Amino acid sequence: MTDTATFAESYAILQQTAEELQEMTEADIDQLVPLVEKGLAAHRVCEDRIKQVRAMLEEKLGMQPSAGE
């Protein structure tokens, strides 16, 4: 996952990874580890982007941070 990956690209990777994991009929550790690593990297990109947008909205709209932040 690159630093320039977009939210949409990362979300698509998450969806693809979830599908691949669901379709796995046999636990193959050699396939599982790279899939999980790819999914985690995509998740981090999505999570970071959501945090950036939330912070921008809070700043621009004078909103208070939501619970759990």
C-alpha atoms as a PDB file:
ATOM      1  CA  MET A   1       0.000   0.000   0.000  1.00  0.00           C
ATOM      2  CA  THR A   2       1.434   3.345  -0.976  1.00  0.00           C
ATOM      3  CA  ASP A   3       1.182   6.656   0.846  1.00  0.00           C
ATOM      4  CA  THR A   4      -0.797   7.998  -2.121  1.00  0.00           C
ATOM      5  CA  ALA A   5      -3.483   5.310  -2.117  1.00  0.00           C
ATOM      6  CA  THR A   6      -6.943   6.830  -2.132  1.00  0.00           C
ATOM      7  CA  PHE A   7      -9.802   5.905   0.149  1.00  0.00           C
ATOM      8  CA  ALA A   8     -11.674   4.363  -2.789  1.00  0.00           C
ATOM      9  CA  GLU A   9      -8.678   2.256  -3.846  1.00  0.00           C
ATOM     10  CA  SER A  10      -8.102   1.082  -0.293  1.00  0.00           C
ATOM     11  CA  TYR A  11     -11.778   0.310   0.267  1.00  0.00           C
ATOM     12  CA  ALA A  12     -11.808  -1.763  -2.926  1.00  0.00           C
ATOM     13  CA  ILE A  13      -8.768  -3.668  -1.658  1.00  0.00           C
ATOM     14  CA  LEU A  14     -10.578  -4.329   1.623  1.00  0.00           C
ATOM     15  CA  GLN A  15     -13.612  -5.665  -0.245  1.00  0.00           C
ATOM     16  CA  GLN A  16     -11.468  -7.840  -2.511  1.00  0.00           C
ATOM     17  CA  THR A  17      -9.487  -9.178   0.446  1.00  0.00           C
ATOM     18  CA  ALA A  18     -12.675 -10.024   2.352  1.00  0.00           C
ATOM     19  CA  GLU A  19     -14.027 -11.890  -0.681  1.00  0.00           C
ATOM     20  CA  GLU A  20     -10.794 -13.839  -1.099  1.00  0.00           C
ATOM     21  CA  LEU A  21     -10.814 -14.803   2.574  1.00  0.00           C
ATOM     22  CA  GLN A  22     -14.461 -15.898   2.400  1.00  0.00           C
ATOM     23  CA  GLU A  23     -13.788 -18.000  -0.699  1.00  0.00           C
ATOM     24  CA  MET A  24     -10.819 -19.770   0.887  1.00  0.00           C
ATOM     25  CA  THR A  25     -11.871 -23.367   1.359  1.00  0.00           C
ATOM     26  CA  GLU A  26      -8.708 -24.367   3.144  1.00  0.00           C
ATOM     27  CA  ALA A  27      -6.557 -22.370   5.538  1.00  0.00           C
ATOM     28  CA  ASP A  28      -3.311 -21.867   3.626  1.00  0.00           C
ATOM     29  CA  ILE A  29      -0.974 -19.856   5.839  1.00  0.00           C
ATOM     30  CA  ASP A  30       1.190 -18.959   2.849  1.00  0.00           C
ATOM     31  CA  GLN A  31      -1.796 -17.205   1.255  1.00  0.00           C
ATOM     32  CA  LEU A  32      -3.424 -16.015   4.470  1.00  0.00           C
ATOM     33  CA  VAL A  33      -0.581 -13.895   5.838  1.00  0.00           C
ATOM     34  CA  PRO A  34      -0.109 -11.702   2.732  1.00  0.00           C
ATOM     35  CA  LEU A  35      -3.886 -11.251   2.403  1.00  0.00           C
ATOM     36  CA  VAL A  36      -4.219 -10.135   6.002  1.00  0.00           C
ATOM     37  CA  GLU A  37      -1.235  -7.785   5.676  1.00  0.00           C
ATOM     38  CA  LYS A  38      -2.719  -6.261   2.507  1.00  0.00           C
ATOM     39  CA  GLY A  39      -6.086  -5.844   4.216  1.00  0.00           C
ATOM     40  CA  LEU A  40      -4.564  -4.237   7.296  1.00  0.00           C
ATOM     41  CA  ALA A  41      -2.607  -1.748   5.191  1.00  0.00           C
ATOM     42  CA  ALA A  42      -5.774  -0.815   3.283  1.00  0.00           C
ATOM     43  CA  HIS A  43      -7.687  -0.496   6.566  1.00  0.00           C
ATOM     44  CA  ARG A  44      -5.085   1.933   7.910  1.00  0.00           C
ATOM     45  CA  VAL A  45      -5.407   4.133   4.820  1.00  0.00           C
ATOM     46  CA  CYS A  46      -9.207   4.184   5.119  1.00  0.00           C
ATOM     47  CA  GLU A  47      -9.127   4.840   8.854  1.00  0.00           C
ATOM     48  CA  ASP A  48      -6.588   7.665   8.492  1.00  0.00           C
ATOM     49  CA  ARG A  49      -8.622   9.314   5.740  1.00  0.00           C
ATOM     50  CA  ILE A  50     -11.830   9.114   7.793  1.00  0.00           C
ATOM     51  CA  LYS A  51     -10.010  10.714  10.736  1.00  0.00           C
ATOM     52  CA  GLN A  52      -8.736  13.513   8.473  1.00  0.00           C
ATOM     53  CA  VAL A  53     -12.209  14.234   7.119  1.00  0.00           C
ATOM     54  CA  ARG A  54     -13.756  14.099  10.586  1.00  0.00           C
ATOM     55  CA  ALA A  55     -11.156  16.560  11.934  1.00  0.00           C
ATOM     56  CA  MET A  56     -11.744  18.903   8.989  1.00  0.00           C
ATOM     57  CA  LEU A  57     -15.511  18.813   9.523  1.00  0.00           C
ATOM     58  CA  GLU A  58     -15.117  19.430  13.237  1.00  0.00           C
ATOM     59  CA  GLU A  59     -12.894  22.413  12.498  1.00  0.00           C
ATOM     60  CA  LYS A  60     -15.020  23.889   9.692  1.00  0.00           C
ATOM     61  CA  LEU A  61     -18.404  23.275  11.296  1.00  0.00           C
ATOM     62  CA  GLY A  62     -17.390  23.848  14.891  1.00  0.00           C
ATOM     63  CA  MET A  63     -18.489  20.356  15.790  1.00  0.00           C
ATOM     64  CA  GLN A  64     -17.400  18.617  18.947  1.00  0.00           C
ATOM     65  CA  PRO A  65     -15.436  15.382  18.562  1.00  0.00           C
ATOM     66  CA  SER A  66     -17.750  12.375  18.724  1.00  0.00           C
ATOM     67  CA  ALA A  67     -17.625   9.929  21.609  1.00  0.00           C
ATOM     68  CA  GLY A  68     -14.857   7.357  21.370  1.00  0.00           C
ATOM     69  CA  GLU A  69     -12.369   9.708  19.737  1.00  0.00           C
END
